[in-house]
Amino acid sequence: MFNFFQPNIPQIDATGVKRAIDTKENVILLDVRTPDEYAGGHIQGSTLMPLQTLQQNVTQFTDKSKKMYVYCRSGARSAQAARLLQQLGYTDVSNMAGGILSWSAKGYPMSK
């Protein structure tokens, strides 16, 4: 099986993301799923930017040193997105391991 979680992509778990939200940490929370997946439930305050459109749309985030947490359904697409963001010069990008499935399994709130 292909290992999406390569060593140079920092990982954060759902608890770490929840802590960042609860403490109002200044972080960009990026959801790289499809619009339909996002509409089915997402983390409040996240920005939808499907993986297929990421390269074209990420330029709205001009501060490439700002902390970004990227998530998808399970962590695979967001790992790809994190790698792409690193290649585009974003320097503080972490993949949310386990994606929204992990978030939901912990019973954390989701918006629709």
PDB file of N, CA and C in Angstrom:
ATOM      1  N   MET A   1       0.847  -1.196   0.000  1.00  0.00           N
ATOM      2  CA  MET A   1       0.000   0.000   0.000  1.00  0.00           C
ATOM      3  C   MET A   1       0.883   1.248   0.000  1.00  0.00           C
ATOM      4  N   PHE A   2       0.485   2.229  -0.753  1.00  0.00           N
ATOM      5  CA  PHE A   2       1.228   3.486  -0.813  1.00  0.00           C
ATOM      6  C   PHE A   2       1.140   4.211   0.522  1.00  0.00           C
ATOM      7  N   ASN A   3       2.243   4.725   0.998  1.00  0.00           N
ATOM      8  CA  ASN A   3       2.259   5.463   2.263  1.00  0.00           C
ATOM      9  C   ASN A   3       2.080   6.946   1.994  1.00  0.00           C
ATOM     10  N   PHE A   4       0.868   7.447   2.260  1.00  0.00           N
ATOM     11  CA  PHE A   4       0.582   8.866   2.049  1.00  0.00           C
ATOM     12  C   PHE A   4       1.270   9.740   3.082  1.00  0.00           C
ATOM     13  N   PHE A   5       1.585   9.163   4.233  1.00  0.00           N
ATOM     14  CA  PHE A   5       2.074   9.951   5.354  1.00  0.00           C
ATOM     15  C   PHE A   5       3.592   9.917   5.377  1.00  0.00           C
ATOM     16  N   GLN A   6       4.161  10.617   4.428  1.00  0.00           N
ATOM     17  CA  GLN A   6       5.601  10.652   4.302  1.00  0.00           C
ATOM     18  C   GLN A   6       6.192  11.563   5.374  1.00  0.00           C
ATOM     19  N   PRO A   7       7.419  11.279   5.777  1.00  0.00           N
ATOM     20  CA  PRO A   7       8.007  11.964   6.924  1.00  0.00           C
ATOM     21  C   PRO A   7       8.069  13.486   6.843  1.00  0.00           C
ATOM     22  N   ASN A   8       8.150  14.052   5.641  1.00  0.00           N
ATOM     23  CA  ASN A   8       8.300  15.504   5.560  1.00  0.00           C
ATOM     24  C   ASN A   8       6.960  16.235   5.574  1.00  0.00           C
ATOM     25  N   ILE A   9       5.866  15.515   5.775  1.00  0.00           N
ATOM     26  CA  ILE A   9       4.567  16.167   5.934  1.00  0.00           C
ATOM     27  C   ILE A   9       4.165  16.038   7.399  1.00  0.00           C
ATOM     28  N   PRO A  10       4.219  17.131   8.148  1.00  0.00           N
ATOM     29  CA  PRO A  10       3.841  17.059   9.554  1.00  0.00           C
ATOM     30  C   PRO A  10       2.390  16.612   9.711  1.00  0.00           C
ATOM     31  N   GLN A  11       2.140  15.834  10.741  1.00  0.00           N
ATOM     32  CA  GLN A  11       0.805  15.327  11.036  1.00  0.00           C
ATOM     33  C   GLN A  11       0.288  15.964  12.322  1.00  0.00           C
ATOM     34  N   ILE A  12      -1.023  16.210  12.349  1.00  0.00           N
ATOM     35  CA  ILE A  12      -1.679  16.645  13.572  1.00  0.00           C
ATOM     36  C   ILE A  12      -2.925  15.782  13.700  1.00  0.00           C
ATOM     37  N   ASP A  13      -3.293  15.403  14.911  1.00  0.00           N
ATOM     38  CA  ASP A  13      -4.496  14.602  15.057  1.00  0.00           C
ATOM     39  C   ASP A  13      -5.699  15.503  15.317  1.00  0.00           C
ATOM     40  N   ALA A  14      -6.884  14.904  15.289  1.00  0.00           N
ATOM     41  CA  ALA A  14      -8.120  15.673  15.463  1.00  0.00           C
ATOM     42  C   ALA A  14      -8.132  16.424  16.786  1.00  0.00           C
ATOM     43  N   THR A  15      -7.589  15.827  17.822  1.00  0.00           N
ATOM     44  CA  THR A  15      -7.550  16.487  19.129  1.00  0.00           C
ATOM     45  C   THR A  15      -6.705  17.752  19.079  1.00  0.00           C
ATOM     46  N   GLY A  16      -5.598  17.703  18.359  1.00  0.00           N
ATOM     47  CA  GLY A  16      -4.748  18.886  18.215  1.00  0.00           C
ATOM     48  C   GLY A  16      -5.445  19.998  17.457  1.00  0.00           C
ATOM     49  N   VAL A  17      -6.193  19.633  16.420  1.00  0.00           N
ATOM     50  CA  VAL A  17      -6.951  20.630  15.656  1.00  0.00           C
ATOM     51  C   VAL A  17      -8.042  21.229  16.529  1.00  0.00           C
ATOM     52  N   LYS A  18      -8.745  20.380  17.281  1.00  0.00           N
ATOM     53  CA  LYS A  18      -9.814  20.862  18.169  1.00  0.00           C
ATOM     54  C   LYS A  18      -9.235  21.823  19.210  1.00  0.00           C
ATOM     55  N   ARG A  19      -8.083  21.497  19.747  1.00  0.00           N
ATOM     56  CA  ARG A  19      -7.426  22.364  20.737  1.00  0.00           C
ATOM     57  C   ARG A  19      -7.088  23.721  20.107  1.00  0.00           C
ATOM     58  N   ALA A  20      -6.589  23.706  18.874  1.00  0.00           N
ATOM     59  CA  ALA A  20      -6.248  24.954  18.177  1.00  0.00           C
ATOM     60  C   ALA A  20      -7.494  25.815  17.989  1.00  0.00           C
ATOM     61  N   ILE A  21      -8.610  25.186  17.629  1.00  0.00           N
ATOM     62  CA  ILE A  21      -9.864  25.919  17.452  1.00  0.00           C
ATOM     63  C   ILE A  21     -10.349  26.481  18.786  1.00  0.00           C
ATOM     64  N   ASP A  22     -10.330  25.644  19.813  1.00  0.00           N
ATOM     65  CA  ASP A  22     -10.824  26.056  21.135  1.00  0.00           C
ATOM     66  C   ASP A  22     -10.005  27.199  21.735  1.00  0.00           C
ATOM     67  N   THR A  23      -8.715  27.224  21.442  1.00  0.00           N
ATOM     68  CA  THR A  23      -7.853  28.275  21.985  1.00  0.00           C
ATOM     69  C   THR A  23      -7.721  29.453  21.020  1.00  0.00           C
ATOM     70  N   LYS A  24      -8.520  29.405  19.938  1.00  0.00           N
ATOM     71  CA  LYS A  24      -8.553  30.479  18.944  1.00  0.00           C
ATOM     72  C   LYS A  24      -7.174  30.758  18.337  1.00  0.00           C
ATOM     73  N   GLU A  25      -6.432  29.675  18.133  1.00  0.00           N
ATOM     74  CA  GLU A  25      -5.133  29.777  17.478  1.00  0.00           C
ATOM     75  C   GLU A  25      -5.332  30.333  16.069  1.00  0.00           C
ATOM     76  N   ASN A  26      -4.427  31.168  15.624  1.00  0.00           N
ATOM     77  CA  ASN A  26      -4.522  31.782  14.304  1.00  0.00           C
ATOM     78  C   ASN A  26      -4.024  30.784  13.257  1.00  0.00           C
ATOM     79  N   VAL A  27      -4.956  29.993  12.729  1.00  0.00           N
ATOM     80  CA  VAL A  27      -4.611  28.927  11.795  1.00  0.00           C
ATOM     81  C   VAL A  27      -5.647  28.889  10.671  1.00  0.00           C
ATOM     82  N   ILE A  28      -5.180  28.533   9.488  1.00  0.00           N
ATOM     83  CA  ILE A  28      -6.084  28.307   8.357  1.00  0.00           C
ATOM     84  C   ILE A  28      -6.452  26.830   8.371  1.00  0.00           C
ATOM     85  N   LEU A  29      -7.739  26.541   8.396  1.00  0.00           N
ATOM     86  CA  LEU A  29      -8.227  25.165   8.362  1.00  0.00           C
ATOM     87  C   LEU A  29      -8.794  24.918   6.967  1.00  0.00           C
ATOM     88  N   LEU A  30      -8.125  24.064   6.207  1.00  0.00           N
ATOM     89  CA  LEU A  30      -8.440  23.866   4.800  1.00  0.00           C
ATOM     90  C   LEU A  30      -9.043  22.480   4.575  1.00  0.00           C
ATOM     91  N   ASP A  31     -10.261  22.445   4.030  1.00  0.00           N
ATOM     92  CA  ASP A  31     -10.957  21.208   3.701  1.00  0.00           C
ATOM     93  C   ASP A  31     -10.791  20.986   2.209  1.00  0.00           C
ATOM     94  N   VAL A  32     -10.140  19.891   1.826  1.00  0.00           N
ATOM     95  CA  VAL A  32      -9.850  19.648   0.407  1.00  0.00           C
ATOM     96  C   VAL A  32     -10.772  18.593  -0.212  1.00  0.00           C
ATOM     97  N   ARG A  33     -11.918  18.346   0.422  1.00  0.00           N
ATOM     98  CA  ARG A  33     -12.900  17.402  -0.120  1.00  0.00           C
ATOM     99  C   ARG A  33     -13.745  18.079  -1.199  1.00  0.00           C
ATOM    100  N   THR A  34     -14.701  17.348  -1.722  1.00  0.00           N
ATOM    101  CA  THR A  34     -15.598  17.887  -2.739  1.00  0.00           C
ATOM    102  C   THR A  34     -16.665  18.763  -2.084  1.00  0.00           C
ATOM    103  N   PRO A  35     -17.305  19.630  -2.859  1.00  0.00           N
ATOM    104  CA  PRO A  35     -18.393  20.440  -2.298  1.00  0.00           C
ATOM    105  C   PRO A  35     -19.513  19.603  -1.671  1.00  0.00           C
ATOM    106  N   ASP A  36     -19.854  18.466  -2.278  1.00  0.00           N
ATOM    107  CA  ASP A  36     -20.887  17.599  -1.706  1.00  0.00           C
ATOM    108  C   ASP A  36     -20.454  17.032  -0.358  1.00  0.00           C
ATOM    109  N   GLU A  37     -19.204  16.605  -0.260  1.00  0.00           N
ATOM    110  CA  GLU A  37     -18.701  16.090   1.022  1.00  0.00           C
ATOM    111  C   GLU A  37     -18.736  17.192   2.078  1.00  0.00           C
ATOM    112  N   TYR A  38     -18.309  18.376   1.698  1.00  0.00           N
ATOM    113  CA  TYR A  38     -18.281  19.526   2.616  1.00  0.00           C
ATOM    114  C   TYR A  38     -19.688  19.836   3.114  1.00  0.00           C
ATOM    115  N   ALA A  39     -20.665  19.820   2.196  1.00  0.00           N
ATOM    116  CA  ALA A  39     -22.053  20.118   2.561  1.00  0.00           C
ATOM    117  C   ALA A  39     -22.609  19.080   3.531  1.00  0.00           C
ATOM    118  N   GLY A  40     -22.083  17.866   3.477  1.00  0.00           N
ATOM    119  CA  GLY A  40     -22.536  16.808   4.370  1.00  0.00           C
ATOM    120  C   GLY A  40     -22.053  16.963   5.798  1.00  0.00           C
ATOM    121  N   GLY A  41     -21.106  17.839   6.024  1.00  0.00           N
ATOM    122  CA  GLY A  41     -20.579  18.087   7.366  1.00  0.00           C
ATOM    123  C   GLY A  41     -19.112  18.453   7.298  1.00  0.00           C
ATOM    124  N   HIS A  42     -18.762  19.546   7.964  1.00  0.00           N
ATOM    125  CA  HIS A  42     -17.380  20.024   7.954  1.00  0.00           C
ATOM    126  C   HIS A  42     -17.057  20.673   9.300  1.00  0.00           C
ATOM    127  N   ILE A  43     -15.806  20.949   9.502  1.00  0.00           N
ATOM    128  CA  ILE A  43     -15.363  21.620  10.729  1.00  0.00           C
ATOM    129  C   ILE A  43     -15.658  23.102  10.591  1.00  0.00           C
ATOM    130  N   GLN A  44     -16.357  23.637  11.583  1.00  0.00           N
ATOM    131  CA  GLN A  44     -16.734  25.051  11.544  1.00  0.00           C
ATOM    132  C   GLN A  44     -15.486  25.921  11.403  1.00  0.00           C
ATOM    133  N   GLY A  45     -15.574  26.898  10.509  1.00  0.00           N
ATOM    134  CA  GLY A  45     -14.460  27.813  10.294  1.00  0.00           C
ATOM    135  C   GLY A  45     -13.499  27.356   9.212  1.00  0.00           C
ATOM    136  N   SER A  46     -13.734  26.160   8.673  1.00  0.00           N
ATOM    137  CA  SER A  46     -12.836  25.678   7.619  1.00  0.00           C
ATOM    138  C   SER A  46     -13.188  26.326   6.282  1.00  0.00           C
ATOM    139  N   THR A  47     -12.208  26.346   5.406  1.00  0.00           N
ATOM    140  CA  THR A  47     -12.376  26.861   4.053  1.00  0.00           C
ATOM    141  C   THR A  47     -12.385  25.690   3.093  1.00  0.00           C
ATOM    142  N   LEU A  48     -13.414  25.602   2.256  1.00  0.00           N
ATOM    143  CA  LEU A  48     -13.475  24.550   1.249  1.00  0.00           C
ATOM    144  C   LEU A  48     -12.589  24.933   0.070  1.00  0.00           C
ATOM    145  N   MET A  49     -11.676  24.024  -0.266  1.00  0.00           N
ATOM    146  CA  MET A  49     -10.825  24.205  -1.430  1.00  0.00           C
ATOM    147  C   MET A  49     -10.486  22.810  -1.953  1.00  0.00           C
ATOM    148  N   PRO A  50     -11.393  22.240  -2.780  1.00  0.00           N
ATOM    149  CA  PRO A  50     -11.168  20.878  -3.269  1.00  0.00           C
ATOM    150  C   PRO A  50      -9.769  20.682  -3.837  1.00  0.00           C
ATOM    151  N   LEU A  51      -9.232  19.504  -3.614  1.00  0.00           N
ATOM    152  CA  LEU A  51      -7.874  19.194  -4.056  1.00  0.00           C
ATOM    153  C   LEU A  51      -7.660  19.539  -5.529  1.00  0.00           C
ATOM    154  N   GLN A  52      -8.674  19.268  -6.373  1.00  0.00           N
ATOM    155  CA  GLN A  52      -8.531  19.510  -7.805  1.00  0.00           C
ATOM    156  C   GLN A  52      -8.353  20.998  -8.132  1.00  0.00           C
ATOM    157  N   THR A  53      -8.808  21.884  -7.265  1.00  0.00           N
ATOM    158  CA  THR A  53      -8.718  23.324  -7.527  1.00  0.00           C
ATOM    159  C   THR A  53      -7.700  24.026  -6.632  1.00  0.00           C
ATOM    160  N   LEU A  54      -7.033  23.260  -5.799  1.00  0.00           N
ATOM    161  CA  LEU A  54      -6.137  23.842  -4.794  1.00  0.00           C
ATOM    162  C   LEU A  54      -5.070  24.749  -5.400  1.00  0.00           C
ATOM    163  N   GLN A  55      -4.368  24.263  -6.390  1.00  0.00           N
ATOM    164  CA  GLN A  55      -3.256  25.036  -6.948  1.00  0.00           C
ATOM    165  C   GLN A  55      -3.718  26.379  -7.500  1.00  0.00           C
ATOM    166  N   GLN A  56      -4.902  26.418  -8.119  1.00  0.00           N
ATOM    167  CA  GLN A  56      -5.405  27.661  -8.696  1.00  0.00           C
ATOM    168  C   GLN A  56      -5.925  28.630  -7.629  1.00  0.00           C
ATOM    169  N   ASN A  57      -6.494  28.089  -6.543  1.00  0.00           N
ATOM    170  CA  ASN A  57      -7.193  28.939  -5.575  1.00  0.00           C
ATOM    171  C   ASN A  57      -6.415  29.275  -4.312  1.00  0.00           C
ATOM    172  N   VAL A  58      -5.357  28.558  -4.038  1.00  0.00           N
ATOM    173  CA  VAL A  58      -4.643  28.776  -2.775  1.00  0.00           C
ATOM    174  C   VAL A  58      -3.948  30.138  -2.740  1.00  0.00           C
ATOM    175  N   THR A  59      -3.804  30.781  -3.877  1.00  0.00           N
ATOM    176  CA  THR A  59      -3.134  32.079  -3.912  1.00  0.00           C
ATOM    177  C   THR A  59      -3.872  33.140  -3.088  1.00  0.00           C
ATOM    178  N   GLN A  60      -5.133  32.861  -2.703  1.00  0.00           N
ATOM    179  CA  GLN A  60      -5.839  33.798  -1.824  1.00  0.00           C
ATOM    180  C   GLN A  60      -5.166  33.888  -0.464  1.00  0.00           C
ATOM    181  N   PHE A  61      -4.370  32.887  -0.110  1.00  0.00           N
ATOM    182  CA  PHE A  61      -3.621  32.911   1.142  1.00  0.00           C
ATOM    183  C   PHE A  61      -2.217  33.420   0.827  1.00  0.00           C
ATOM    184  N   THR A  62      -2.010  34.698   1.032  1.00  0.00           N
ATOM    185  CA  THR A  62      -0.764  35.321   0.600  1.00  0.00           C
ATOM    186  C   THR A  62       0.370  35.148   1.598  1.00  0.00           C
ATOM    187  N   ASP A  63       0.055  34.914   2.875  1.00  0.00           N
ATOM    188  CA  ASP A  63       1.096  34.712   3.887  1.00  0.00           C
ATOM    189  C   ASP A  63       1.484  33.238   3.896  1.00  0.00           C
ATOM    190  N   LYS A  64       2.562  32.920   3.198  1.00  0.00           N
ATOM    191  CA  LYS A  64       2.966  31.524   3.056  1.00  0.00           C
ATOM    192  C   LYS A  64       3.578  30.933   4.317  1.00  0.00           C
ATOM    193  N   SER A  65       3.756  31.752   5.360  1.00  0.00           N
ATOM    194  CA  SER A  65       4.295  31.229   6.610  1.00  0.00           C
ATOM    195  C   SER A  65       3.197  30.983   7.652  1.00  0.00           C
ATOM    196  N   LYS A  66       1.951  31.315   7.322  1.00  0.00           N
ATOM    197  CA  LYS A  66       0.853  31.120   8.269  1.00  0.00           C
ATOM    198  C   LYS A  66       0.561  29.624   8.435  1.00  0.00           C
ATOM    199  N   LYS A  67       0.248  29.235   9.660  1.00  0.00           N
ATOM    200  CA  LYS A  67      -0.034  27.841   9.968  1.00  0.00           C
ATOM    201  C   LYS A  67      -1.304  27.383   9.260  1.00  0.00           C
ATOM    202  N   MET A  68      -1.208  26.213   8.593  1.00  0.00           N
ATOM    203  CA  MET A  68      -2.345  25.628   7.889  1.00  0.00           C
ATOM    204  C   MET A  68      -2.523  24.184   8.331  1.00  0.00           C
ATOM    205  N   TYR A  69      -3.766  23.830   8.647  1.00  0.00           N
ATOM    206  CA  TYR A  69      -4.124  22.439   8.895  1.00  0.00           C
ATOM    207  C   TYR A  69      -5.035  22.018   7.758  1.00  0.00           C
ATOM    208  N   VAL A  70      -4.693  20.924   7.089  1.00  0.00           N
ATOM    209  CA  VAL A  70      -5.418  20.461   5.912  1.00  0.00           C
ATOM    210  C   VAL A  70      -6.080  19.134   6.255  1.00  0.00           C
ATOM    211  N   TYR A  71      -7.367  19.006   5.857  1.00  0.00           N
ATOM    212  CA  TYR A  71      -8.047  17.732   6.095  1.00  0.00           C
ATOM    213  C   TYR A  71      -8.935  17.344   4.929  1.00  0.00           C
ATOM    214  N   CYS A  72      -9.255  16.054   4.887  1.00  0.00           N
ATOM    215  CA  CYS A  72     -10.165  15.495   3.891  1.00  0.00           C
ATOM    216  C   CYS A  72     -11.009  14.445   4.610  1.00  0.00           C
ATOM    217  N   ARG A  73     -11.411  13.413   3.921  1.00  0.00           N
ATOM    218  CA  ARG A  73     -12.231  12.383   4.550  1.00  0.00           C
ATOM    219  C   ARG A  73     -11.390  11.516   5.486  1.00  0.00           C
ATOM    220  N   SER A  74     -10.257  11.011   4.978  1.00  0.00           N
ATOM    221  CA  SER A  74      -9.476  10.054   5.760  1.00  0.00           C
ATOM    222  C   SER A  74      -8.021  10.461   5.987  1.00  0.00           C
ATOM    223  N   GLY A  75      -7.555  11.467   5.277  1.00  0.00           N
ATOM    224  CA  GLY A  75      -6.168  11.904   5.427  1.00  0.00           C
ATOM    225  C   GLY A  75      -5.317  11.706   4.187  1.00  0.00           C
ATOM    226  N   ALA A  76      -5.832  10.990   3.177  1.00  0.00           N
ATOM    227  CA  ALA A  76      -5.034  10.718   1.975  1.00  0.00           C
ATOM    228  C   ALA A  76      -4.957  11.932   1.051  1.00  0.00           C
ATOM    229  N   ARG A  77      -6.115  12.487   0.684  1.00  0.00           N
ATOM    230  CA  ARG A  77      -6.108  13.669  -0.200  1.00  0.00           C
ATOM    231  C   ARG A  77      -5.438  14.852   0.484  1.00  0.00           C
ATOM    232  N   SER A  78      -5.653  14.983   1.778  1.00  0.00           N
ATOM    233  CA  SER A  78      -5.044  16.122   2.481  1.00  0.00           C
ATOM    234  C   SER A  78      -3.530  15.972   2.561  1.00  0.00           C
ATOM    235  N   ALA A  79      -3.035  14.747   2.600  1.00  0.00           N
ATOM    236  CA  ALA A  79      -1.578  14.550   2.551  1.00  0.00           C
ATOM    237  C   ALA A  79      -1.043  15.006   1.197  1.00  0.00           C
ATOM    238  N   GLN A  80      -1.771  14.683   0.116  1.00  0.00           N
ATOM    239  CA  GLN A  80      -1.378  15.153  -1.217  1.00  0.00           C
ATOM    240  C   GLN A  80      -1.426  16.678  -1.267  1.00  0.00           C
ATOM    241  N   ALA A  81      -2.479  17.254  -0.677  1.00  0.00           N
ATOM    242  CA  ALA A  81      -2.621  18.713  -0.668  1.00  0.00           C
ATOM    243  C   ALA A  81      -1.489  19.355   0.122  1.00  0.00           C
ATOM    244  N   ALA A  82      -1.148  18.768   1.260  1.00  0.00           N
ATOM    245  CA  ALA A  82      -0.066  19.320   2.084  1.00  0.00           C
ATOM    246  C   ALA A  82       1.247  19.322   1.314  1.00  0.00           C
ATOM    247  N   ARG A  83       1.495  18.232   0.592  1.00  0.00           N
ATOM    248  CA  ARG A  83       2.724  18.162  -0.215  1.00  0.00           C
ATOM    249  C   ARG A  83       2.718  19.250  -1.285  1.00  0.00           C
ATOM    250  N   LEU A  84       1.582  19.424  -1.958  1.00  0.00           N
ATOM    251  CA  LEU A  84       1.466  20.454  -2.989  1.00  0.00           C
ATOM    252  C   LEU A  84       1.692  21.841  -2.382  1.00  0.00           C
ATOM    253  N   LEU A  85       1.086  22.095  -1.239  1.00  0.00           N
ATOM    254  CA  LEU A  85       1.261  23.395  -0.574  1.00  0.00           C
ATOM    255  C   LEU A  85       2.730  23.639  -0.236  1.00  0.00           C
ATOM    256  N   GLN A  86       3.420  22.606   0.235  1.00  0.00           N
ATOM    257  CA  GLN A  86       4.853  22.744   0.511  1.00  0.00           C
ATOM    258  C   GLN A  86       5.606  23.094  -0.773  1.00  0.00           C
ATOM    259  N   GLN A  87       5.269  22.424  -1.865  1.00  0.00           N
ATOM    260  CA  GLN A  87       5.934  22.690  -3.140  1.00  0.00           C
ATOM    261  C   GLN A  87       5.663  24.107  -3.626  1.00  0.00           C
ATOM    262  N   LEU A  88       4.513  24.669  -3.246  1.00  0.00           N
ATOM    263  CA  LEU A  88       4.156  26.034  -3.631  1.00  0.00           C
ATOM    264  C   LEU A  88       4.742  27.079  -2.688  1.00  0.00           C
ATOM    265  N   GLY A  89       5.490  26.618  -1.675  1.00  0.00           N
ATOM    266  CA  GLY A  89       6.195  27.549  -0.796  1.00  0.00           C
ATOM    267  C   GLY A  89       5.544  27.810   0.547  1.00  0.00           C
ATOM    268  N   TYR A  90       4.448  27.122   0.862  1.00  0.00           N
ATOM    269  CA  TYR A  90       3.826  27.275   2.184  1.00  0.00           C
ATOM    270  C   TYR A  90       4.664  26.478   3.173  1.00  0.00           C
ATOM    271  N   THR A  91       5.048  27.124   4.260  1.00  0.00           N
ATOM    272  CA  THR A  91       6.082  26.549   5.117  1.00  0.00           C
ATOM    273  C   THR A  91       5.586  25.921   6.413  1.00  0.00           C
ATOM    274  N   ASP A  92       4.329  26.138   6.790  1.00  0.00           N
ATOM    275  CA  ASP A  92       3.833  25.602   8.063  1.00  0.00           C
ATOM    276  C   ASP A  92       2.515  24.866   7.830  1.00  0.00           C
ATOM    277  N   VAL A  93       2.600  23.735   7.121  1.00  0.00           N
ATOM    278  CA  VAL A  93       1.425  22.966   6.714  1.00  0.00           C
ATOM    279  C   VAL A  93       1.440  21.617   7.422  1.00  0.00           C
ATOM    280  N   SER A  94       0.298  21.252   8.015  1.00  0.00           N
ATOM    281  CA  SER A  94       0.161  19.939   8.649  1.00  0.00           C
ATOM    282  C   SER A  94      -1.081  19.237   8.118  1.00  0.00           C
ATOM    283  N   ASN A  95      -0.971  17.934   7.987  1.00  0.00           N
ATOM    284  CA  ASN A  95      -2.077  17.088   7.562  1.00  0.00           C
ATOM    285  C   ASN A  95      -2.815  16.581   8.802  1.00  0.00           C
ATOM    286  N   MET A  96      -4.163  16.691   8.806  1.00  0.00           N
ATOM    287  CA  MET A  96      -4.928  16.133   9.916  1.00  0.00           C
ATOM    288  C   MET A  96      -5.088  14.636   9.684  1.00  0.00           C
ATOM    289  N   ALA A  97      -4.324  13.859  10.432  1.00  0.00           N
ATOM    290  CA  ALA A  97      -4.339  12.405  10.302  1.00  0.00           C
ATOM    291  C   ALA A  97      -5.735  11.860  10.591  1.00  0.00           C
ATOM    292  N   GLY A  98      -6.188  10.989   9.719  1.00  0.00           N
ATOM    293  CA  GLY A  98      -7.497  10.378   9.904  1.00  0.00           C
ATOM    294  C   GLY A  98      -8.656  11.191   9.371  1.00  0.00           C
ATOM    295  N   GLY A  99      -8.388  12.435   8.964  1.00  0.00           N
ATOM    296  CA  GLY A  99      -9.394  13.291   8.350  1.00  0.00           C
ATOM    297  C   GLY A  99     -10.654  13.495   9.169  1.00  0.00           C
ATOM    298  N   ILE A 100     -11.735  13.834   8.472  1.00  0.00           N
ATOM    299  CA  ILE A 100     -13.005  14.126   9.123  1.00  0.00           C
ATOM    300  C   ILE A 100     -13.564  12.871   9.796  1.00  0.00           C
ATOM    301  N   LEU A 101     -13.168  11.693   9.321  1.00  0.00           N
ATOM    302  CA  LEU A 101     -13.601  10.457   9.979  1.00  0.00           C
ATOM    303  C   LEU A 101     -13.089  10.412  11.414  1.00  0.00           C
ATOM    304  N   SER A 102     -11.851  10.807  11.609  1.00  0.00           N
ATOM    305  CA  SER A 102     -11.265  10.849  12.948  1.00  0.00           C
ATOM    306  C   SER A 102     -11.961  11.905  13.807  1.00  0.00           C
ATOM    307  N   TRP A 103     -12.205  13.062  13.222  1.00  0.00           N
ATOM    308  CA  TRP A 103     -12.892  14.159  13.913  1.00  0.00           C
ATOM    309  C   TRP A 103     -14.272  13.693  14.394  1.00  0.00           C
ATOM    310  N   SER A 104     -15.016  13.096  13.489  1.00  0.00           N
ATOM    311  CA  SER A 104     -16.362  12.630  13.775  1.00  0.00           C
ATOM    312  C   SER A 104     -16.364  11.508  14.823  1.00  0.00           C
ATOM    313  N   ALA A 105     -15.396  10.598  14.730  1.00  0.00           N
ATOM    314  CA  ALA A 105     -15.305   9.492  15.671  1.00  0.00           C
ATOM    315  C   ALA A 105     -15.102   9.972  17.106  1.00  0.00           C
ATOM    316  N   LYS A 106     -14.475  11.128  17.261  1.00  0.00           N
ATOM    317  CA  LYS A 106     -14.261  11.708  18.591  1.00  0.00           C
ATOM    318  C   LYS A 106     -15.486  12.462  19.091  1.00  0.00           C
ATOM    319  N   GLY A 107     -16.482  12.588  18.233  1.00  0.00           N
ATOM    320  CA  GLY A 107     -17.709  13.278  18.628  1.00  0.00           C
ATOM    321  C   GLY A 107     -17.596  14.793  18.590  1.00  0.00           C
ATOM    322  N   TYR A 108     -16.594  15.310  17.894  1.00  0.00           N
ATOM    323  CA  TYR A 108     -16.426  16.752  17.804  1.00  0.00           C
ATOM    324  C   TYR A 108     -17.522  17.337  16.890  1.00  0.00           C
ATOM    325  N   PRO A 109     -17.882  18.586  17.136  1.00  0.00           N
ATOM    326  CA  PRO A 109     -19.002  19.178  16.376  1.00  0.00           C
ATOM    327  C   PRO A 109     -18.656  19.410  14.908  1.00  0.00           C
ATOM    328  N   MET A 110     -19.698  19.262  14.087  1.00  0.00           N
ATOM    329  CA  MET A 110     -19.570  19.539  12.669  1.00  0.00           C
ATOM    330  C   MET A 110     -20.672  20.472  12.240  1.00  0.00           C
ATOM    331  N   SER A 111     -20.389  21.311  11.269  1.00  0.00           N
ATOM    332  CA  SER A 111     -21.366  22.249  10.708  1.00  0.00           C
ATOM    333  C   SER A 111     -21.855  21.697   9.381  1.00  0.00           C
ATOM    334  N   LYS A 112     -23.054  22.111   9.016  1.00  0.00           N
ATOM    335  CA  LYS A 112     -23.604  21.742   7.693  1.00  0.00           C
ATOM    336  C   LYS A 112     -24.061  22.969   6.984  1.00  0.00           C
TER     337      LYS A 112
END
